[in-house]
């Protein structure tokens, strides 16, 4: 796979560098990898396969950065954009990274990747009726032509059209003031393709579209969390993407979550993730033997080869000092008959001794039990290889978003409009998000308009803006 895509990636990166230089950019170009770290173009050109599925990874790293500063360690990161809904579990401030079952099209890529799962649910997801049943997605109108309300030629009703009809989105001032949305066109499309065939009103049809897409996203989140044996009620949700703030509260309520965090920078979280990501190399070397037959000298030799590779690819090109680099060694292990390895920490590093192997086995059983839900302590594990994770520190922005000066919510109110919740339309206050200061509390139902998204605060919920620029929303009834 690497041999197949490397020429394309290498050519693209080379062209990008030429264009940046021609435009006067004198800084360093860094490229995101599927492991959640960035590396210079030379490394990426050699290991082009490392950028597979790296797009959604940036958002996850941005979420981990925002959560860390908000004091949240365990959460689920959800990214609702125009075409997809991406989910990733983060525990202890670090996203789940897996080496097993990384399928792309029909190819299995046995390399570490941030475990992001995607479903076809986004603002552009098309609503339609089939045999009397309302379906939403996975087909999408994309950004071109996009939803009907964009006025770019789209003619099929989407989730964004439903959000507009339900009153969540502003007609004027959309997308930072660059667009005026066509609410009449959205209503007509929903009437033709959904309300008419079902024999219901337009508002009820739009509400049905919103409920179904929320249920689809909640079910996708459940599948991801259940695979890790995690109860969603024990986690917070960090929602980002252009549509994340609109739907996060409803998804969290359906999952029984008590808290969502919506950063002001949520619509650009993939870009933020790139800015805060560290350098990272992930080296895997094979060495296969039952634990009792491990040749300790050979295993240490494999570790030293991995360390030398990290020195070559990470330390030398970046020029980082020793205190800016962190190298961690793991031993890849499995039970007999298993296809996939578990990364077991090896703090002894290349100084591992024969007498340390018993402790390595105990750690394997512990890690396997915590990550897979079971362990067989009477079985001898098999060593499958060595993994090295090398990270190099990059500077982080001091603050991700500028805050306003208004502490009293009423002073930031800029009117109201009808918005649809479970019992129908109610008049809902609208608040000017950019002028709000840290500490302000807003009780739902409310709509907080940011330049590129709207935070929908449902009835009974409360949103508080913290000093880091995050709307901390307490979900009612969870």
Protein backbone atom coordinates (compact mmCIF):
# COMPACT_ATOMS: atom_id res chain seq x y z
CA UNK A 1 0.00 0.00 0.00
CA UNK A 2 2.83 2.40 0.84
CA UNK A 3 4.54 1.67 -2.50
CA UNK A 4 1.28 2.34 -4.32
CA UNK A 5 0.39 5.72 -2.78
CA UNK A 6 3.87 7.11 -2.00
CA UNK A 7 4.51 8.64 -5.46
CA UNK A 8 1.17 10.49 -5.37
CA UNK A 9 1.67 11.77 -1.83
CA UNK A 10 5.30 12.68 -2.46
CA UNK A 11 4.40 14.62 -5.60
CA UNK A 12 1.57 16.42 -3.85
CA UNK A 13 3.72 17.43 -0.87
CA UNK A 14 6.55 18.59 -3.13
CA UNK A 15 4.14 20.75 -5.15
CA UNK A 16 2.63 22.15 -1.95
CA UNK A 17 6.06 23.15 -0.66
CA UNK A 18 6.87 24.89 -3.94
CA UNK A 19 3.61 26.82 -3.83
CA UNK A 20 4.15 27.85 -0.20
CA UNK A 21 7.69 29.02 -0.90
CA UNK A 22 6.47 30.97 -3.92
CA UNK A 23 3.85 32.64 -1.75
CA UNK A 24 6.54 33.80 0.70
CA UNK A 25 6.07 31.21 3.44
CA UNK A 26 9.39 30.65 5.22
CA UNK A 27 8.22 28.36 8.03
CA UNK A 28 8.21 24.60 8.29
CA UNK A 29 5.56 22.44 6.65
CA UNK A 30 4.19 19.66 8.88
CA UNK A 31 1.77 16.94 7.82
CA UNK A 32 -0.77 15.18 10.04
CA UNK A 33 -0.56 11.39 10.34
CA UNK A 34 -3.19 8.86 11.31
CA UNK A 35 -1.40 8.39 14.67
CA UNK A 36 -2.35 11.94 15.72
CA UNK A 37 1.14 13.41 15.32
CA UNK A 38 2.78 15.58 12.69
CA UNK A 39 6.02 15.05 10.79
CA UNK A 40 8.05 16.90 8.11
CA UNK A 41 7.42 16.17 4.40
CA UNK A 42 10.52 13.98 3.91
CA UNK A 43 9.27 11.48 6.49
CA UNK A 44 5.74 11.51 5.12
CA UNK A 45 6.99 10.97 1.57
CA UNK A 46 8.77 7.79 2.70
CA UNK A 47 5.88 6.59 4.85
CA UNK A 48 2.94 7.91 2.85
CA UNK A 49 0.71 5.17 4.26
CA UNK A 50 0.90 6.97 7.60
CA UNK A 51 -1.43 9.72 6.34
CA UNK A 52 -4.34 7.34 5.62
CA UNK A 53 -7.43 8.42 7.61
CA UNK A 54 -5.51 11.39 9.01
CA UNK A 55 -8.25 13.89 8.15
CA UNK A 56 -10.59 13.25 11.11
CA UNK A 57 -7.58 12.75 13.40
CA UNK A 58 -6.85 16.47 13.57
CA UNK A 59 -10.23 17.14 15.13
CA UNK A 60 -9.66 14.49 17.77
CA UNK A 61 -6.30 16.02 18.72
CA UNK A 62 -7.95 19.44 18.95
CA UNK A 63 -10.61 17.95 21.22
CA UNK A 64 -7.96 16.35 23.45
CA UNK A 65 -6.18 19.71 23.72
CA UNK A 66 -9.38 21.57 24.65
CA UNK A 67 -10.45 18.86 27.11
CA UNK A 68 -7.07 18.81 28.83
CA UNK A 69 -7.27 22.55 29.46
CA UNK A 70 -10.83 22.16 30.75
CA UNK A 71 -9.78 19.40 33.16
CA UNK A 72 -11.66 16.63 31.31
CA UNK A 73 -9.71 13.36 30.93
CA UNK A 74 -12.31 10.82 29.77
CA UNK A 75 -14.74 11.79 27.01
CA UNK A 76 -16.08 10.92 23.59
CA UNK A 77 -15.08 13.25 20.75
CA UNK A 78 -17.82 13.75 18.14
CA UNK A 79 -17.38 15.60 14.86
CA UNK A 80 -20.51 16.41 12.86
CA UNK A 81 -19.66 18.07 9.58
CA UNK A 82 -21.44 18.24 6.27
CA UNK A 83 -21.17 14.61 5.17
CA UNK A 84 -20.13 12.44 8.12
CA UNK A 85 -20.26 12.01 11.87
CA UNK A 86 -16.97 10.87 13.40
CA UNK A 87 -16.61 9.33 16.88
CA UNK A 88 -13.50 8.65 18.96
CA UNK A 89 -13.12 7.54 22.57
CA UNK A 90 -10.50 9.43 24.61
CA UNK A 91 -9.36 8.12 28.00
CA UNK A 92 -6.76 9.67 30.23
CA UNK A 93 -6.46 12.57 27.79
CA UNK A 94 -5.20 10.30 24.97
CA UNK A 95 -7.28 9.00 22.05
CA UNK A 96 -7.58 5.28 21.51
CA UNK A 97 -4.93 4.17 19.00
CA UNK A 98 -5.22 0.70 17.55
CA UNK A 99 -3.18 -1.42 15.18
CA UNK A 100 -5.81 -4.08 14.55
CA UNK A 101 -8.71 -4.15 12.12
CA UNK A 102 -7.71 -0.95 10.29
CA UNK A 103 -9.53 -1.64 7.04
CA UNK A 104 -9.49 0.88 4.20
CA UNK A 105 -11.66 -0.19 1.31
CA UNK A 106 -10.65 -3.85 0.94
CA UNK A 107 -7.14 -3.41 2.35
CA UNK A 108 -6.07 -4.17 5.89
CA UNK A 109 -3.42 -1.72 7.08
CA UNK A 110 -1.51 -3.14 10.04
CA UNK A 111 -0.27 0.21 11.31
CA UNK A 112 -1.26 2.25 14.39
CA UNK A 113 -4.13 4.67 13.77
CA UNK A 114 -6.33 6.84 15.98
CA UNK A 115 -9.54 4.86 16.33
CA UNK A 116 -12.05 7.17 14.61
CA UNK A 117 -15.30 5.62 13.38
CA UNK A 118 -17.49 7.38 10.83
CA UNK A 119 -21.11 7.13 9.70
CA UNK A 120 -22.91 8.94 6.91
CA UNK A 121 -24.68 11.55 9.03
CA UNK A 122 -24.06 15.27 8.62
CA UNK A 123 -25.62 18.57 7.70
CA UNK A 124 -25.80 17.54 4.05
CA UNK A 125 -27.44 14.14 4.70
CA UNK A 126 -30.47 13.80 2.43
CA UNK A 127 -33.91 12.97 3.85
CA UNK A 128 -36.26 10.81 1.80
CA UNK A 129 -39.25 8.52 2.20
CA UNK A 130 -39.06 4.89 1.12
CA UNK A 131 -42.09 2.60 1.41
CA UNK A 132 -43.68 4.93 3.94
CA UNK A 133 -40.55 5.18 6.13
CA UNK A 134 -38.53 8.36 6.67
CA UNK A 135 -34.78 7.79 6.12
CA UNK A 136 -31.91 10.25 6.57
CA UNK A 137 -28.58 9.62 4.79
CA UNK A 138 -26.13 8.15 4.14
CA UNK A 139 -26.42 9.96 0.79
CA UNK A 140 -25.26 13.56 1.09
CA UNK A 141 -25.71 16.76 -0.88
CA UNK A 142 -22.14 17.72 0.10
CA UNK A 143 -21.08 21.36 -0.07
CA UNK A 144 -21.73 21.62 -3.81
CA UNK A 145 -24.59 21.98 -4.54
CA UNK A 146 -25.30 21.51 -0.82
CA UNK A 147 -28.59 21.89 1.05
CA UNK A 148 -31.54 23.55 -0.67
CA UNK A 149 -31.32 26.55 1.67
CA UNK A 150 -27.82 27.39 0.38
CA UNK A 151 -29.34 28.45 -2.94
CA UNK A 152 -26.57 26.74 -4.96
CA UNK A 153 -28.76 24.41 -6.95
CA UNK A 154 -29.48 21.71 -4.36
CA UNK A 155 -33.02 20.38 -4.69
CA UNK A 156 -33.25 17.59 -2.08
CA UNK A 157 -34.03 18.27 1.61
CA UNK A 158 -31.18 17.80 4.06
CA UNK A 159 -30.54 17.95 7.79
CA UNK A 160 -29.40 21.58 7.46
CA UNK A 161 -32.68 22.45 5.74
CA UNK A 162 -34.55 20.83 8.64
CA UNK A 163 -32.43 22.75 11.19
CA UNK A 164 -33.33 26.00 9.43
CA UNK A 165 -37.06 25.18 9.33
CA UNK A 166 -36.93 24.25 13.04
CA UNK A 167 -35.51 27.70 13.83
CA UNK A 168 -32.06 26.60 15.01
CA UNK A 169 -30.15 28.43 12.28
CA UNK A 170 -30.37 32.14 11.39
CA UNK A 171 -31.71 33.13 8.01
CA UNK A 172 -29.33 36.10 7.74
CA UNK A 173 -25.73 36.29 8.89
CA UNK A 174 -25.01 32.59 8.28
CA UNK A 175 -21.38 31.46 7.76
CA UNK A 176 -19.83 34.54 9.29
CA UNK A 177 -22.28 36.87 7.53
CA UNK A 178 -21.49 35.62 4.05
CA UNK A 179 -24.79 33.83 3.36
CA UNK A 180 -28.54 34.37 3.63
CA UNK A 181 -30.42 31.09 3.86
CA UNK A 182 -33.52 30.33 1.79
CA UNK A 183 -36.07 29.13 4.35
CA UNK A 184 -38.92 29.05 1.81
CA UNK A 185 -36.94 26.78 -0.49
CA UNK A 186 -36.11 24.48 2.43
CA UNK A 187 -39.76 24.27 3.46
CA UNK A 188 -40.88 23.53 -0.10
CA UNK A 189 -38.34 20.70 -0.49
CA UNK A 190 -39.33 19.12 2.84
CA UNK A 191 -43.01 19.44 1.92
CA UNK A 192 -42.48 17.77 -1.47
CA UNK A 193 -40.17 14.90 -0.44
CA UNK A 194 -41.09 14.22 3.21
CA UNK A 195 -44.18 15.93 4.61
CA UNK A 196 -46.40 15.24 1.58
CA UNK A 197 -45.59 11.53 1.22
CA UNK A 198 -46.04 11.01 4.98
CA UNK A 199 -49.19 13.13 5.25
CA UNK A 200 -47.83 15.39 8.02
CA UNK A 201 -46.95 19.06 8.43
CA UNK A 202 -43.63 20.57 7.37
CA UNK A 203 -42.55 21.32 10.95
CA UNK A 204 -43.32 17.76 12.06
CA UNK A 205 -41.40 16.42 9.07
CA UNK A 206 -38.38 18.60 9.89
CA UNK A 207 -38.55 17.45 13.51
CA UNK A 208 -38.65 13.85 12.31
CA UNK A 209 -35.53 14.43 10.18
CA UNK A 210 -33.70 15.88 13.19
CA UNK A 211 -34.79 13.04 15.48
CA UNK A 212 -33.69 10.34 13.04
CA UNK A 213 -30.27 11.83 12.33
CA UNK A 214 -29.75 12.32 16.09
CA UNK A 215 -30.71 8.69 16.71
CA UNK A 216 -28.32 7.52 13.96
CA UNK A 217 -25.45 9.46 15.55
CA UNK A 218 -26.32 8.28 19.06
CA UNK A 219 -26.36 4.66 17.86
CA UNK A 220 -22.98 5.11 16.16
CA UNK A 221 -21.60 6.48 19.43
CA UNK A 222 -23.04 3.53 21.37
CA UNK A 223 -21.39 1.06 19.00
CA UNK A 224 -17.98 2.65 19.46
CA UNK A 225 -18.25 2.85 23.25
CA UNK A 226 -19.70 -0.64 23.67
CA UNK A 227 -16.74 -2.03 21.73
CA UNK A 228 -14.51 -0.65 24.51
CA UNK A 229 -16.87 -1.69 27.32
CA UNK A 230 -17.60 1.93 28.24
CA UNK A 231 -20.91 3.32 29.54
CA UNK A 232 -21.69 6.68 27.84
CA UNK A 233 -23.33 7.92 31.05
CA UNK A 234 -19.89 7.97 32.67
CA UNK A 235 -18.39 10.24 30.00
CA UNK A 236 -18.61 13.80 28.80
CA UNK A 237 -19.01 14.68 25.13
CA UNK A 238 -16.85 17.19 23.30
CA UNK A 239 -18.68 18.23 20.15
CA UNK A 240 -17.09 19.96 17.20
CA UNK A 241 -17.52 20.44 13.47
CA UNK A 242 -19.88 22.98 11.96
CA UNK A 243 -23.01 21.07 13.02
CA UNK A 244 -21.74 19.61 16.28
CA UNK A 245 -22.99 22.48 18.43
CA UNK A 246 -26.47 22.27 16.90
CA UNK A 247 -27.05 18.56 17.59
CA UNK A 248 -24.74 17.75 20.53
CA UNK A 249 -27.32 18.35 23.25
CA UNK A 250 -29.90 16.07 21.65
CA UNK A 251 -27.34 13.29 21.05
CA UNK A 252 -26.01 13.53 24.61
CA UNK A 253 -29.54 13.42 26.06
CA UNK A 254 -30.33 10.28 24.05
CA UNK A 255 -27.15 8.65 25.38
CA UNK A 256 -27.87 9.65 28.98
CA UNK A 257 -24.82 11.91 29.20
CA UNK A 258 -24.81 14.74 31.71
CA UNK A 259 -22.38 17.14 30.08
CA UNK A 260 -21.25 18.38 26.69
CA UNK A 261 -18.38 20.73 25.95
CA UNK A 262 -18.68 22.89 22.82
CA UNK A 263 -15.53 24.98 22.18
CA UNK A 264 -15.88 28.29 20.37
CA UNK A 265 -13.32 27.01 17.87
CA UNK A 266 -15.37 23.84 17.19
CA UNK A 267 -16.01 24.54 13.46
CA UNK A 268 -12.24 24.64 12.81
CA UNK A 269 -11.14 21.88 15.16
CA UNK A 270 -9.23 19.88 12.56
CA UNK A 271 -7.08 22.96 11.93
CA UNK A 272 -6.64 23.50 15.67
CA UNK A 273 -5.60 19.87 16.05
CA UNK A 274 -2.82 20.38 13.51
CA UNK A 275 -1.58 23.43 15.42
CA UNK A 276 -1.38 21.61 18.76
CA UNK A 277 -0.19 18.18 17.56
CA UNK A 278 3.30 17.02 18.54
CA UNK A 279 5.87 15.38 16.32
CA UNK A 280 5.30 11.63 16.38
CA UNK A 281 6.87 8.50 14.97
CA UNK A 282 5.42 5.06 15.57
CA UNK A 283 7.87 2.25 14.83
CA UNK A 284 6.84 -1.43 14.81
CA UNK A 285 9.39 -4.25 14.46
CA UNK A 286 8.55 -7.94 14.30
CA UNK A 287 9.93 -10.59 16.65
CA UNK A 288 7.75 -13.67 17.22
CA UNK A 289 8.25 -16.21 20.00
CA UNK A 290 6.36 -17.71 22.96
CA UNK A 291 7.34 -15.82 26.09
CA UNK A 292 9.23 -18.80 27.51
CA UNK A 293 11.34 -19.05 24.34
CA UNK A 294 12.20 -15.37 24.01
CA UNK A 295 15.90 -14.78 23.36
CA UNK A 296 16.43 -11.70 25.49
CA UNK A 297 19.50 -10.55 23.55
CA UNK A 298 17.60 -10.73 20.28
CA UNK A 299 14.63 -8.84 21.75
CA UNK A 300 16.95 -6.09 23.03
CA UNK A 301 18.56 -5.92 19.61
CA UNK A 302 15.15 -5.31 18.00
CA UNK A 303 14.49 -2.59 20.56
CA UNK A 304 17.78 -0.87 19.77
CA UNK A 305 16.96 -0.97 16.04
CA UNK A 306 13.65 0.79 16.79
CA UNK A 307 15.42 3.37 18.97
CA UNK A 308 17.95 4.08 16.24
CA UNK A 309 15.15 4.55 13.71
CA UNK A 310 13.40 7.02 16.01
CA UNK A 311 16.66 8.91 16.47
CA UNK A 312 17.07 9.11 12.71
CA UNK A 313 13.51 10.12 11.85
CA UNK A 314 12.48 12.22 14.87
CA UNK A 315 15.39 13.67 16.78
CA UNK A 316 17.84 14.44 13.97
CA UNK A 317 15.45 16.21 11.50
CA UNK A 318 13.64 18.30 14.12
CA UNK A 319 16.68 19.37 16.15
CA UNK A 320 14.74 18.97 19.39
CA UNK A 321 16.57 18.91 22.72
CA UNK A 322 16.51 15.79 24.89
CA UNK A 323 13.97 17.30 27.28
CA UNK A 324 11.59 17.90 24.34
CA UNK A 325 11.57 14.28 23.22
CA UNK A 326 9.78 11.33 24.82
CA UNK A 327 10.48 7.75 23.71
CA UNK A 328 8.33 4.87 24.96
CA UNK A 329 8.95 1.20 24.23
CA UNK A 330 6.20 -1.43 24.14
CA UNK A 331 6.22 -5.16 23.54
CA UNK A 332 3.48 -6.40 21.20
CA UNK A 333 1.87 -9.50 22.74
CA UNK A 334 -1.13 -11.77 22.19
CA UNK A 335 -2.69 -15.03 23.35
CA UNK A 336 -2.29 -18.10 21.16
CA UNK A 337 -4.72 -18.02 18.25
CA UNK A 338 -5.25 -14.24 18.35
CA UNK A 339 -4.69 -12.24 15.20
CA UNK A 340 -4.17 -8.88 16.87
CA UNK A 341 -1.56 -7.64 19.32
CA UNK A 342 -1.77 -5.64 22.52
CA UNK A 343 0.83 -2.95 23.21
CA UNK A 344 2.31 -3.69 26.65
CA UNK A 345 4.40 -0.92 28.27
CA UNK A 346 8.05 -1.83 28.73
CA UNK A 347 9.55 0.80 31.09
CA UNK A 348 12.76 -1.25 31.32
CA UNK A 349 13.38 -0.34 27.68
CA UNK A 350 16.37 -1.86 25.91
CA UNK A 351 17.70 -2.84 29.35
CA UNK A 352 15.04 -5.56 29.67
CA UNK A 353 16.43 -8.66 31.45
CA UNK A 354 15.37 -12.30 31.45
CA UNK A 355 13.95 -11.99 34.96
CA UNK A 356 11.75 -9.06 33.82
CA UNK A 357 9.71 -11.26 31.47
CA UNK A 358 7.40 -12.48 34.25
CA UNK A 359 6.45 -8.89 35.06
CA UNK A 360 5.92 -8.27 31.35
CA UNK A 361 3.45 -11.16 31.25
CA UNK A 362 1.53 -9.77 34.25
CA UNK A 363 1.29 -6.38 32.55
CA UNK A 364 0.02 -8.05 29.38
CA UNK A 365 -2.80 -9.79 31.26
CA UNK A 366 -3.72 -6.50 32.98
CA UNK A 367 -3.74 -4.50 29.73
CA UNK A 368 -5.69 -7.18 27.88
CA UNK A 369 -8.30 -7.36 30.62
CA UNK A 370 -8.76 -3.59 30.78
CA UNK A 371 -8.90 -3.10 27.00
CA UNK A 372 -10.69 -6.28 25.87
CA UNK A 373 -12.68 -7.12 28.97
CA UNK A 374 -11.07 -10.50 29.68
CA UNK A 375 -7.74 -12.11 30.43
CA UNK A 376 -6.39 -15.69 30.75
CA UNK A 377 -3.69 -15.53 33.39
CA UNK A 378 -2.98 -19.27 33.17
CA UNK A 379 -2.06 -19.00 29.47
CA UNK A 380 1.41 -18.18 28.19
CA UNK A 381 1.37 -15.11 25.92
CA UNK A 382 3.23 -14.85 22.63
CA UNK A 383 5.59 -11.97 21.88
CA UNK A 384 4.83 -10.60 18.40
CA UNK A 385 7.18 -7.64 18.16
CA UNK A 386 8.38 -4.33 19.53
CA UNK A 387 6.69 -0.96 19.22
CA UNK A 388 8.28 2.42 19.87
CA UNK A 389 6.33 5.67 20.18
CA UNK A 390 8.46 8.77 19.88
CA UNK A 391 7.01 12.21 20.52
CA UNK A 392 8.60 15.62 20.16
CA UNK A 393 7.11 18.70 21.77
CA UNK A 394 5.73 21.54 19.62
CA UNK A 395 4.68 24.97 21.01
CA UNK A 396 0.99 25.32 21.88
CA UNK A 397 -1.19 28.43 21.52
CA UNK A 398 -1.89 30.12 24.84
CA UNK A 399 -5.58 30.52 24.11
CA UNK A 400 -7.68 29.01 21.38
CA UNK A 401 -10.41 31.66 21.27
CA UNK A 402 -10.87 35.32 22.15
CA UNK A 403 -13.65 36.09 24.64
CA UNK A 404 -15.93 39.10 24.94
CA UNK A 405 -16.61 41.31 27.96
CA UNK A 406 -20.33 40.79 28.64
CA UNK A 407 -20.89 38.89 31.89
CA UNK A 408 -24.67 39.34 32.15
CA UNK A 409 -26.46 37.18 29.59
CA UNK A 410 -29.34 39.63 29.08
CA UNK A 411 -26.94 42.26 27.79
CA UNK A 412 -25.82 39.87 25.04
CA UNK A 413 -29.35 39.07 23.94
CA UNK A 414 -30.07 40.19 20.38
CA UNK A 415 -33.66 39.14 19.90
CA UNK A 416 -35.59 35.89 19.63
CA UNK A 417 -37.15 33.55 17.11
CA UNK A 418 -39.44 30.52 17.21
CA UNK A 419 -37.58 27.22 17.55
CA UNK A 420 -39.04 23.73 17.62
CA UNK A 421 -38.46 21.40 20.53
CA UNK A 422 -40.37 18.30 21.61
CA UNK A 423 -43.69 20.05 22.28
CA UNK A 424 -43.63 22.37 19.27
CA UNK A 425 -42.46 25.91 18.54
CA UNK A 426 -41.54 28.24 21.40
CA UNK A 427 -40.08 31.74 21.31
CA UNK A 428 -36.39 31.28 22.08
CA UNK A 429 -33.91 34.05 23.04
CA UNK A 430 -30.85 34.54 20.82
CA UNK A 431 -27.47 35.51 22.29
CA UNK A 432 -24.45 37.04 20.58
CA UNK A 433 -21.71 34.54 21.32
CA UNK A 434 -18.61 36.64 20.45
CA UNK A 435 -19.43 39.28 23.06
CA UNK A 436 -19.86 36.83 25.98
CA UNK A 437 -17.27 36.76 28.78
CA UNK A 438 -16.10 33.82 30.86
CA UNK A 439 -18.50 32.88 33.64
CA UNK A 440 -21.71 33.85 31.88
CA UNK A 441 -24.56 31.36 32.32
CA UNK A 442 -27.43 30.92 29.88
CA UNK A 443 -30.51 28.86 30.68
CA UNK A 444 -32.28 26.94 27.95
CA UNK A 445 -34.07 27.00 25.71
CA UNK A 446 -31.61 29.35 24.06
CA UNK A 447 -29.64 29.83 20.85
CA UNK A 448 -26.08 31.13 21.11
CA UNK A 449 -24.94 32.34 17.71
CA UNK A 450 -21.23 32.10 16.93
CA UNK A 451 -19.81 33.22 13.56
CA UNK A 452 -19.78 29.70 12.08
CA UNK A 453 -22.15 27.65 14.23
CA UNK A 454 -25.05 27.87 16.69
CA UNK A 455 -25.02 26.34 20.17
CA UNK A 456 -28.52 24.95 20.74
CA UNK A 457 -29.28 24.87 24.47
CA UNK A 458 -32.37 22.73 24.98
CA UNK A 459 -35.17 23.29 27.49
CA UNK A 460 -33.96 22.72 31.04
CA UNK A 461 -30.29 22.72 30.01
CA UNK A 462 -27.74 25.31 31.13
CA UNK A 463 -24.68 26.57 29.26
CA UNK A 464 -21.73 28.21 31.03
CA UNK A 465 -18.81 29.76 29.12
CA UNK A 466 -15.47 28.94 30.75
CA UNK A 467 -12.24 30.94 30.61
CA UNK A 468 -10.87 28.68 27.84
CA UNK A 469 -13.70 29.50 25.45
CA UNK A 470 -15.76 26.34 25.94
CA UNK A 471 -19.53 26.26 26.36
CA UNK A 472 -20.01 23.76 29.19
CA UNK A 473 -23.59 22.54 28.75
CA UNK A 474 -25.37 20.63 31.52
CA UNK A 475 -27.93 18.29 29.96
CA UNK A 476 -31.38 18.23 31.55
CA UNK A 477 -32.82 14.92 32.70
CA UNK A 478 -29.66 12.84 32.21
